[in-house]
Amino acid sequence: MLHKNVVKKFGDLTTIANLNITVEDKEFLVLVGSIRLRKTTALRLLAGLEEISDGE
């Protein structure tokens, strides 16, 4: 799975900008970071649970 320059907006608020990630078959993805860094939003985008505002 390849995602390039992914952007997620909620109205006028851009919550994720220029997310680039590649996950190969049989690989696991772990996102680590402080609270409010939009980790859950990024995972929801990658899983197809949220609609990508822009990007591939």
N, C-alpha and C. Protein backbone atom coordinates (compact mmCIF):
# COMPACT_ATOMS: atom_id res chain seq x y z
N MET A 1 0.84 -1.15 0.00
CA MET A 1 0.00 0.00 0.00
C MET A 1 0.90 1.23 0.00
N LEU A 2 0.64 2.13 -0.91
CA LEU A 2 1.43 3.36 -1.03
C LEU A 2 0.50 4.55 -0.95
N HIS A 3 0.81 5.49 -0.10
CA HIS A 3 0.05 6.73 0.01
C HIS A 3 1.04 7.88 -0.14
N LYS A 4 0.70 8.84 -1.01
CA LYS A 4 1.60 9.96 -1.27
C LYS A 4 0.87 11.28 -1.08
N ASN A 5 1.51 12.17 -0.32
CA ASN A 5 1.01 13.53 -0.12
C ASN A 5 -0.44 13.57 0.35
N VAL A 6 -0.79 12.69 1.27
CA VAL A 6 -2.16 12.61 1.77
C VAL A 6 -2.45 13.82 2.66
N VAL A 7 -3.62 14.40 2.45
CA VAL A 7 -4.09 15.54 3.23
C VAL A 7 -5.47 15.19 3.77
N LYS A 8 -5.70 15.53 5.04
CA LYS A 8 -7.03 15.37 5.63
C LYS A 8 -7.46 16.70 6.21
N LYS A 9 -8.63 17.15 5.78
CA LYS A 9 -9.20 18.40 6.28
C LYS A 9 -10.56 18.13 6.89
N PHE A 10 -10.85 18.85 7.95
CA PHE A 10 -12.18 18.89 8.54
C PHE A 10 -12.64 20.33 8.41
N GLY A 11 -13.44 20.61 7.39
CA GLY A 11 -13.81 21.99 7.09
C GLY A 11 -12.58 22.75 6.61
N ASP A 12 -12.30 23.87 7.24
CA ASP A 12 -11.12 24.67 6.89
C ASP A 12 -9.87 24.24 7.65
N LEU A 13 -10.01 23.33 8.59
CA LEU A 13 -8.89 22.89 9.43
C LEU A 13 -8.16 21.71 8.78
N THR A 14 -6.88 21.89 8.45
CA THR A 14 -6.06 20.80 7.92
C THR A 14 -5.43 20.08 9.11
N THR A 15 -5.79 18.80 9.27
CA THR A 15 -5.28 18.04 10.41
C THR A 15 -4.07 17.19 10.04
N ILE A 16 -4.00 16.76 8.79
CA ILE A 16 -2.84 16.00 8.30
C ILE A 16 -2.46 16.58 6.95
N ALA A 17 -1.18 16.86 6.76
CA ALA A 17 -0.69 17.41 5.50
C ALA A 17 0.56 16.66 5.06
N ASN A 18 0.57 16.24 3.81
CA ASN A 18 1.74 15.61 3.19
C ASN A 18 2.19 14.33 3.89
N LEU A 19 1.24 13.46 4.21
CA LEU A 19 1.56 12.15 4.78
C LEU A 19 2.00 11.24 3.65
N ASN A 20 3.19 10.69 3.75
CA ASN A 20 3.74 9.75 2.78
C ASN A 20 4.10 8.47 3.51
N ILE A 21 3.55 7.35 3.03
CA ILE A 21 3.81 6.09 3.73
C ILE A 21 3.68 4.92 2.76
N THR A 22 4.54 3.93 2.95
CA THR A 22 4.48 2.68 2.19
C THR A 22 4.46 1.53 3.17
N VAL A 23 3.49 0.64 3.00
CA VAL A 23 3.41 -0.57 3.83
C VAL A 23 3.31 -1.75 2.87
N GLU A 24 4.29 -2.63 2.93
CA GLU A 24 4.32 -3.81 2.05
C GLU A 24 3.47 -4.93 2.63
N ASP A 25 3.13 -5.91 1.80
CA ASP A 25 2.38 -7.08 2.26
C ASP A 25 3.12 -7.75 3.43
N LYS A 26 2.36 -8.19 4.40
CA LYS A 26 2.85 -8.90 5.59
C LYS A 26 3.68 -8.02 6.52
N GLU A 27 3.64 -6.71 6.34
CA GLU A 27 4.31 -5.79 7.26
C GLU A 27 3.29 -5.23 8.24
N PHE A 28 3.77 -4.83 9.40
CA PHE A 28 2.95 -4.18 10.41
C PHE A 28 3.31 -2.71 10.46
N LEU A 29 2.35 -1.89 10.80
CA LEU A 29 2.57 -0.46 10.92
C LEU A 29 2.28 -0.04 12.35
N VAL A 30 3.20 0.70 12.94
CA VAL A 30 3.02 1.23 14.29
C VAL A 30 3.29 2.72 14.24
N LEU A 31 2.38 3.51 14.76
CA LEU A 31 2.58 4.96 14.87
C LEU A 31 2.76 5.29 16.34
N VAL A 32 3.84 5.99 16.65
CA VAL A 32 4.15 6.35 18.03
C VAL A 32 4.31 7.86 18.10
N GLY A 33 3.74 8.46 19.12
CA GLY A 33 3.89 9.90 19.29
C GLY A 33 3.06 10.40 20.46
N SER A 34 3.21 11.66 20.74
CA SER A 34 2.47 12.30 21.83
C SER A 34 0.99 12.39 21.50
N ILE A 35 0.20 12.76 22.49
CA ILE A 35 -1.23 12.92 22.27
C ILE A 35 -1.48 14.08 21.30
N ARG A 36 -2.60 14.00 20.61
CA ARG A 36 -3.06 15.02 19.66
C ARG A 36 -2.16 15.20 18.45
N LEU A 37 -1.46 14.15 18.05
CA LEU A 37 -0.64 14.23 16.83
C LEU A 37 -1.33 13.61 15.63
N ARG A 38 -2.61 13.25 15.78
CA ARG A 38 -3.44 12.71 14.69
C ARG A 38 -3.04 11.30 14.26
N LYS A 39 -2.54 10.49 15.20
CA LYS A 39 -2.19 9.10 14.89
C LYS A 39 -3.42 8.30 14.50
N THR A 40 -4.49 8.44 15.26
CA THR A 40 -5.72 7.71 14.96
C THR A 40 -6.30 8.14 13.63
N THR A 41 -6.28 9.42 13.35
CA THR A 41 -6.78 9.91 12.06
C THR A 41 -5.97 9.32 10.92
N ALA A 42 -4.66 9.26 11.06
CA ALA A 42 -3.80 8.68 10.02
C ALA A 42 -4.13 7.21 9.80
N LEU A 43 -4.30 6.46 10.88
CA LEU A 43 -4.64 5.04 10.75
C LEU A 43 -6.02 4.86 10.12
N ARG A 44 -6.97 5.71 10.46
CA ARG A 44 -8.30 5.63 9.86
C ARG A 44 -8.25 5.93 8.36
N LEU A 45 -7.40 6.86 7.96
CA LEU A 45 -7.22 7.15 6.53
C LEU A 45 -6.64 5.94 5.80
N LEU A 46 -5.62 5.35 6.38
CA LEU A 46 -4.97 4.19 5.76
C LEU A 46 -5.90 2.99 5.67
N ALA A 47 -6.79 2.85 6.65
CA ALA A 47 -7.73 1.73 6.67
C ALA A 47 -8.95 1.97 5.79
N GLY A 48 -9.08 3.20 5.28
CA GLY A 48 -10.23 3.52 4.44
C GLY A 48 -11.47 3.89 5.23
N LEU A 49 -11.33 4.16 6.51
CA LEU A 49 -12.46 4.53 7.35
C LEU A 49 -12.76 6.02 7.29
N GLU A 50 -11.80 6.81 6.84
CA GLU A 50 -11.97 8.25 6.63
C GLU A 50 -11.65 8.54 5.17
N GLU A 51 -12.30 9.54 4.62
CA GLU A 51 -12.04 9.93 3.23
C GLU A 51 -10.85 10.88 3.18
N ILE A 52 -9.93 10.61 2.26
CA ILE A 52 -8.76 11.47 2.05
C ILE A 52 -9.22 12.74 1.35
N SER A 53 -8.80 13.90 1.86
CA SER A 53 -9.18 15.18 1.25
C SER A 53 -8.40 15.46 -0.03
N ASP A 54 -7.13 15.04 -0.06
CA ASP A 54 -6.28 15.25 -1.23
C ASP A 54 -5.13 14.26 -1.16
N GLY A 55 -4.51 13.99 -2.29
CA GLY A 55 -3.38 13.07 -2.35
C GLY A 55 -3.77 11.74 -2.95
N GLU A 56 -2.82 10.81 -2.93
CA GLU A 56 -3.04 9.48 -3.52
C GLU A 56 -3.01 8.41 -2.45
